[in-house]
Amino acid sequence: MLPGSHLTGKTADQLMDDPAATHPEQVQCFGKRGTVTVFNSHMCHGGTLNRSGSTRKALHGYYTRRHLSQQLPQQRYIQPWNYRRMQEGEATGRLAIAILDVQEPQQARI
């Protein structure tokens, strides 16, 4: 994460010559299993290479006004193998599918 970048009103492309490169002021967040990191989504942020040898799991929560669409329509990007894995009958799998089955709101509700 790049602390304070959410206050600039600029994107990573505008703040850095190469947004994929390291930044001298970047901060990496580490935590043991179950750790939650909360940050403003306008802050420049990204993931690093997983060198742990274990699977990395993440849950990204996104809160916005109901009339605004999803930032990334998950249904378009989920890989077929991952969708099949969620259909294996576990309660968590069915719940995950229900979460992905979000429909665009019909009208703005404020």
N, C-alpha and C. Protein backbone atom coordinates (compact mmCIF):
# COMPACT_ATOMS: atom_id res chain seq x y z
N MET A 1 0.84 -1.17 0.00
CA MET A 1 0.00 0.00 0.00
C MET A 1 0.88 1.23 0.00
N LEU A 2 0.36 2.28 -0.55
CA LEU A 2 1.08 3.55 -0.57
C LEU A 2 0.32 4.53 0.32
N PRO A 3 0.74 4.64 1.58
CA PRO A 3 0.01 5.49 2.54
C PRO A 3 -0.19 6.91 2.04
N GLY A 4 -1.40 7.42 2.24
CA GLY A 4 -1.73 8.79 1.85
C GLY A 4 -2.11 8.97 0.40
N SER A 5 -1.91 7.95 -0.43
CA SER A 5 -2.20 8.09 -1.86
C SER A 5 -3.69 8.31 -2.11
N HIS A 6 -4.54 7.85 -1.19
CA HIS A 6 -5.99 8.03 -1.37
C HIS A 6 -6.39 9.50 -1.21
N LEU A 7 -5.53 10.31 -0.66
CA LEU A 7 -5.83 11.73 -0.46
C LEU A 7 -5.40 12.60 -1.63
N THR A 8 -4.68 12.03 -2.58
CA THR A 8 -4.13 12.81 -3.69
C THR A 8 -5.11 13.02 -4.83
N GLY A 9 -6.10 12.13 -4.94
CA GLY A 9 -7.02 12.20 -6.07
C GLY A 9 -6.40 11.69 -7.36
N LYS A 10 -5.25 11.02 -7.24
CA LYS A 10 -4.55 10.51 -8.42
C LYS A 10 -4.52 8.99 -8.41
N THR A 11 -4.39 8.42 -9.60
CA THR A 11 -4.28 6.98 -9.74
C THR A 11 -2.81 6.57 -9.62
N ALA A 12 -2.57 5.28 -9.50
CA ALA A 12 -1.20 4.77 -9.43
C ALA A 12 -0.41 5.18 -10.67
N ASP A 13 -1.05 5.15 -11.84
CA ASP A 13 -0.38 5.55 -13.09
C ASP A 13 0.07 7.00 -13.04
N GLN A 14 -0.70 7.84 -12.34
CA GLN A 14 -0.34 9.25 -12.26
C GLN A 14 0.72 9.52 -11.19
N LEU A 15 0.79 8.66 -10.19
CA LEU A 15 1.74 8.85 -9.09
C LEU A 15 3.10 8.21 -9.34
N MET A 16 3.13 7.20 -10.20
CA MET A 16 4.36 6.43 -10.38
C MET A 16 4.66 6.23 -11.86
N ASP A 17 5.93 6.22 -12.20
CA ASP A 17 6.33 5.93 -13.58
C ASP A 17 5.96 4.50 -13.95
N ASP A 18 6.14 3.57 -13.00
CA ASP A 18 5.84 2.16 -13.21
C ASP A 18 5.06 1.65 -12.00
N PRO A 19 3.72 1.58 -12.08
CA PRO A 19 2.90 1.14 -10.94
C PRO A 19 3.21 -0.28 -10.47
N ALA A 20 3.86 -1.08 -11.31
CA ALA A 20 4.20 -2.45 -10.91
C ALA A 20 5.52 -2.50 -10.13
N ALA A 21 6.26 -1.41 -10.12
CA ALA A 21 7.54 -1.37 -9.42
C ALA A 21 7.33 -1.06 -7.94
N THR A 22 8.35 -1.31 -7.14
CA THR A 22 8.27 -0.96 -5.72
C THR A 22 8.38 0.56 -5.59
N HIS A 23 7.81 1.07 -4.51
CA HIS A 23 7.83 2.50 -4.23
C HIS A 23 8.56 2.69 -2.91
N PRO A 24 9.40 3.72 -2.77
CA PRO A 24 10.17 3.89 -1.54
C PRO A 24 9.31 4.09 -0.29
N GLU A 25 8.06 4.51 -0.45
CA GLU A 25 7.19 4.75 0.70
C GLU A 25 6.14 3.64 0.88
N GLN A 26 6.22 2.58 0.08
CA GLN A 26 5.21 1.52 0.19
C GLN A 26 5.31 0.81 1.53
N VAL A 27 4.18 0.28 1.96
CA VAL A 27 4.10 -0.50 3.20
C VAL A 27 3.49 -1.84 2.84
N GLN A 28 4.12 -2.94 3.28
CA GLN A 28 3.55 -4.26 3.06
C GLN A 28 2.85 -4.69 4.34
N CYS A 29 1.68 -5.28 4.18
CA CYS A 29 0.91 -5.76 5.33
C CYS A 29 1.05 -7.27 5.42
N PHE A 30 1.40 -7.74 6.58
CA PHE A 30 1.53 -9.17 6.83
C PHE A 30 0.63 -9.53 7.99
N GLY A 31 0.15 -10.73 8.00
CA GLY A 31 -0.67 -11.19 9.12
C GLY A 31 -0.79 -12.68 9.12
N LYS A 32 -1.06 -13.21 10.28
CA LYS A 32 -1.29 -14.65 10.34
C LYS A 32 -2.72 -14.96 9.91
N ARG A 33 -3.01 -16.21 9.75
CA ARG A 33 -4.32 -16.66 9.29
C ARG A 33 -5.44 -15.96 10.09
N GLY A 34 -6.41 -15.42 9.38
CA GLY A 34 -7.55 -14.75 10.01
C GLY A 34 -7.37 -13.25 10.15
N THR A 35 -6.22 -12.73 9.78
CA THR A 35 -5.96 -11.30 9.89
C THR A 35 -6.83 -10.54 8.87
N VAL A 36 -7.34 -9.40 9.28
CA VAL A 36 -8.14 -8.55 8.40
C VAL A 36 -7.42 -7.23 8.23
N THR A 37 -7.30 -6.78 7.00
CA THR A 37 -6.72 -5.48 6.69
C THR A 37 -7.81 -4.64 6.04
N VAL A 38 -8.07 -3.48 6.59
CA VAL A 38 -9.11 -2.59 6.07
C VAL A 38 -8.42 -1.31 5.58
N PHE A 39 -8.75 -0.90 4.37
CA PHE A 39 -8.16 0.33 3.84
C PHE A 39 -9.10 0.95 2.83
N ASN A 40 -8.92 2.22 2.58
CA ASN A 40 -9.69 2.96 1.59
C ASN A 40 -9.31 2.44 0.21
N SER A 41 -10.28 2.07 -0.59
CA SER A 41 -9.99 1.47 -1.89
C SER A 41 -9.36 2.46 -2.87
N HIS A 42 -9.39 3.76 -2.55
CA HIS A 42 -8.74 4.74 -3.42
C HIS A 42 -7.23 4.82 -3.16
N MET A 43 -6.77 4.16 -2.10
CA MET A 43 -5.34 4.12 -1.83
C MET A 43 -4.68 3.16 -2.82
N CYS A 44 -3.53 3.55 -3.36
CA CYS A 44 -2.81 2.65 -4.27
C CYS A 44 -2.44 1.39 -3.49
N HIS A 45 -2.82 0.25 -4.04
CA HIS A 45 -2.57 -1.02 -3.36
C HIS A 45 -2.44 -2.13 -4.39
N GLY A 46 -1.88 -3.22 -3.97
CA GLY A 46 -1.74 -4.36 -4.86
C GLY A 46 -1.21 -5.56 -4.10
N GLY A 47 -1.15 -6.68 -4.77
CA GLY A 47 -0.65 -7.90 -4.16
C GLY A 47 0.78 -8.18 -4.58
N THR A 48 1.44 -9.00 -3.82
CA THR A 48 2.81 -9.39 -4.15
C THR A 48 2.83 -10.88 -4.48
N LEU A 49 3.95 -11.35 -4.95
CA LEU A 49 4.12 -12.75 -5.26
C LEU A 49 4.00 -13.59 -3.98
N ASN A 50 3.21 -14.63 -4.03
CA ASN A 50 3.05 -15.52 -2.87
C ASN A 50 4.23 -16.48 -2.83
N ARG A 51 5.11 -16.26 -1.88
CA ARG A 51 6.31 -17.11 -1.76
C ARG A 51 6.23 -18.04 -0.57
N SER A 52 5.05 -18.17 0.02
CA SER A 52 4.91 -18.96 1.25
C SER A 52 4.87 -20.47 1.00
N GLY A 53 4.53 -20.88 -0.21
CA GLY A 53 4.37 -22.30 -0.48
C GLY A 53 2.97 -22.79 -0.12
N SER A 54 2.14 -21.93 0.45
CA SER A 54 0.77 -22.26 0.81
C SER A 54 -0.19 -21.45 -0.07
N THR A 55 -1.44 -21.92 -0.14
CA THR A 55 -2.45 -21.19 -0.88
C THR A 55 -2.77 -19.90 -0.16
N ARG A 56 -2.89 -18.83 -0.90
CA ARG A 56 -3.28 -17.54 -0.33
C ARG A 56 -4.75 -17.33 -0.63
N LYS A 57 -5.51 -17.04 0.39
CA LYS A 57 -6.94 -16.78 0.20
C LYS A 57 -7.22 -15.34 0.59
N ALA A 58 -8.15 -14.73 -0.11
CA ALA A 58 -8.51 -13.35 0.19
C ALA A 58 -10.00 -13.16 -0.03
N LEU A 59 -10.57 -12.31 0.75
CA LEU A 59 -11.96 -11.91 0.59
C LEU A 59 -11.95 -10.39 0.46
N HIS A 60 -12.43 -9.91 -0.66
CA HIS A 60 -12.44 -8.47 -0.89
C HIS A 60 -13.87 -7.97 -0.72
N GLY A 61 -14.08 -7.16 0.28
CA GLY A 61 -15.39 -6.55 0.49
C GLY A 61 -15.42 -5.20 -0.20
N TYR A 62 -16.54 -4.86 -0.77
CA TYR A 62 -16.67 -3.60 -1.48
C TYR A 62 -18.03 -3.02 -1.14
N TYR A 63 -18.03 -1.87 -0.50
CA TYR A 63 -19.28 -1.22 -0.11
C TYR A 63 -19.45 0.06 -0.92
N THR A 64 -20.63 0.23 -1.45
CA THR A 64 -20.93 1.43 -2.22
C THR A 64 -22.43 1.66 -2.18
N ARG A 65 -22.87 2.76 -2.72
CA ARG A 65 -24.31 3.01 -2.79
C ARG A 65 -24.96 1.98 -3.71
N ARG A 66 -26.18 1.63 -3.40
CA ARG A 66 -26.87 0.56 -4.10
C ARG A 66 -27.00 0.81 -5.61
N HIS A 67 -27.16 2.05 -6.02
CA HIS A 67 -27.37 2.34 -7.44
C HIS A 67 -26.09 2.30 -8.26
N LEU A 68 -24.95 2.18 -7.60
CA LEU A 68 -23.68 2.08 -8.34
C LEU A 68 -23.37 0.62 -8.65
N SER A 69 -22.84 0.38 -9.83
CA SER A 69 -22.56 -1.00 -10.23
C SER A 69 -21.29 -1.51 -9.55
N GLN A 70 -21.07 -2.82 -9.64
CA GLN A 70 -19.86 -3.42 -9.10
C GLN A 70 -18.65 -2.86 -9.82
N GLN A 71 -17.55 -2.71 -9.09
CA GLN A 71 -16.33 -2.23 -9.70
C GLN A 71 -15.83 -3.23 -10.73
N LEU A 72 -15.91 -4.51 -10.41
CA LEU A 72 -15.51 -5.58 -11.32
C LEU A 72 -16.62 -6.62 -11.31
N PRO A 73 -17.33 -6.80 -12.43
CA PRO A 73 -18.40 -7.80 -12.48
C PRO A 73 -17.83 -9.22 -12.37
N GLN A 74 -17.88 -9.78 -11.18
CA GLN A 74 -17.23 -11.05 -10.89
C GLN A 74 -17.69 -12.18 -11.80
N GLN A 75 -18.97 -12.19 -12.15
CA GLN A 75 -19.48 -13.29 -12.97
C GLN A 75 -18.77 -13.39 -14.32
N ARG A 76 -18.28 -12.27 -14.84
CA ARG A 76 -17.59 -12.29 -16.14
C ARG A 76 -16.18 -12.85 -16.03
N TYR A 77 -15.59 -12.79 -14.85
CA TYR A 77 -14.18 -13.11 -14.73
C TYR A 77 -13.88 -14.41 -13.99
N ILE A 78 -14.86 -15.01 -13.36
CA ILE A 78 -14.58 -16.24 -12.62
C ILE A 78 -14.23 -17.36 -13.60
N GLN A 79 -13.20 -18.09 -13.28
CA GLN A 79 -12.72 -19.17 -14.13
C GLN A 79 -13.65 -20.38 -13.99
N PRO A 80 -13.92 -21.12 -15.07
CA PRO A 80 -14.83 -22.27 -15.01
C PRO A 80 -14.41 -23.29 -13.94
N TRP A 81 -13.12 -23.56 -13.80
CA TRP A 81 -12.66 -24.55 -12.80
C TRP A 81 -12.98 -24.07 -11.39
N ASN A 82 -12.92 -22.77 -11.16
CA ASN A 82 -13.21 -22.25 -9.84
C ASN A 82 -14.71 -22.31 -9.56
N TYR A 83 -15.52 -22.01 -10.55
CA TYR A 83 -16.97 -22.09 -10.39
C TYR A 83 -17.39 -23.52 -10.08
N ARG A 84 -16.80 -24.50 -10.80
CA ARG A 84 -17.12 -25.91 -10.54
C ARG A 84 -16.74 -26.29 -9.10
N ARG A 85 -15.61 -25.79 -8.64
CA ARG A 85 -15.16 -26.08 -7.28
C ARG A 85 -16.17 -25.57 -6.25
N MET A 86 -16.81 -24.43 -6.53
CA MET A 86 -17.80 -23.89 -5.60
C MET A 86 -19.09 -24.69 -5.63
N GLN A 87 -19.33 -25.46 -6.68
CA GLN A 87 -20.56 -26.22 -6.81
C GLN A 87 -20.48 -27.60 -6.20
N GLU A 88 -19.41 -27.91 -5.49
CA GLU A 88 -19.21 -29.27 -4.98
C GLU A 88 -20.12 -29.64 -3.83
N GLY A 89 -21.03 -28.75 -3.43
CA GLY A 89 -22.04 -29.11 -2.45
C GLY A 89 -21.78 -28.65 -1.04
N GLU A 90 -20.63 -28.05 -0.77
CA GLU A 90 -20.40 -27.54 0.57
C GLU A 90 -21.23 -26.29 0.77
N ALA A 91 -21.64 -26.05 2.01
CA ALA A 91 -22.44 -24.85 2.29
C ALA A 91 -21.70 -23.59 1.89
N THR A 92 -20.40 -23.57 2.12
CA THR A 92 -19.64 -22.38 1.75
C THR A 92 -19.63 -22.20 0.24
N GLY A 93 -19.62 -23.30 -0.51
CA GLY A 93 -19.65 -23.21 -1.96
C GLY A 93 -20.96 -22.64 -2.46
N ARG A 94 -22.07 -23.11 -1.91
CA ARG A 94 -23.38 -22.58 -2.31
C ARG A 94 -23.49 -21.11 -1.95
N LEU A 95 -22.97 -20.73 -0.79
CA LEU A 95 -23.00 -19.34 -0.38
C LEU A 95 -22.17 -18.49 -1.33
N ALA A 96 -21.01 -18.99 -1.72
CA ALA A 96 -20.15 -18.24 -2.64
C ALA A 96 -20.87 -18.01 -3.96
N ILE A 97 -21.56 -19.00 -4.46
CA ILE A 97 -22.29 -18.85 -5.72
C ILE A 97 -23.40 -17.82 -5.56
N ALA A 98 -24.10 -17.84 -4.44
CA ALA A 98 -25.17 -16.87 -4.20
C ALA A 98 -24.61 -15.45 -4.19
N ILE A 99 -23.44 -15.28 -3.61
CA ILE A 99 -22.83 -13.96 -3.57
C ILE A 99 -22.47 -13.48 -4.97
N LEU A 100 -21.99 -14.39 -5.82
CA LEU A 100 -21.62 -14.02 -7.18
C LEU A 100 -22.83 -13.75 -8.06
N ASP A 101 -23.99 -14.25 -7.69
CA ASP A 101 -25.18 -14.08 -8.51
C ASP A 101 -25.86 -12.73 -8.25
N VAL A 102 -25.08 -11.69 -8.14
CA VAL A 102 -25.60 -10.35 -7.91
C VAL A 102 -26.12 -9.79 -9.22
N GLN A 103 -27.28 -9.21 -9.19
CA GLN A 103 -27.84 -8.59 -10.38
C GLN A 103 -27.76 -7.07 -10.25
N GLU A 104 -27.64 -6.40 -11.37
CA GLU A 104 -27.62 -4.95 -11.34
C GLU A 104 -28.96 -4.44 -10.82
N PRO A 105 -28.97 -3.42 -9.97
CA PRO A 105 -30.23 -2.87 -9.48
C PRO A 105 -31.05 -2.29 -10.64
N GLN A 106 -32.35 -2.42 -10.55
CA GLN A 106 -33.24 -1.95 -11.60
C GLN A 106 -33.35 -0.42 -11.62
N GLN A 107 -33.26 0.19 -10.45
CA GLN A 107 -33.34 1.65 -10.37
C GLN A 107 -32.54 2.10 -9.17
N ALA A 108 -32.18 3.35 -9.19
CA ALA A 108 -31.39 3.90 -8.08
C ALA A 108 -32.23 3.96 -6.81
N ARG A 109 -31.62 3.55 -5.71
CA ARG A 109 -32.25 3.65 -4.39
C ARG A 109 -31.27 4.36 -3.48
N ILE A 110 -31.60 5.52 -3.04
CA ILE A 110 -30.69 6.28 -2.18
C ILE A 110 -31.30 6.44 -0.80
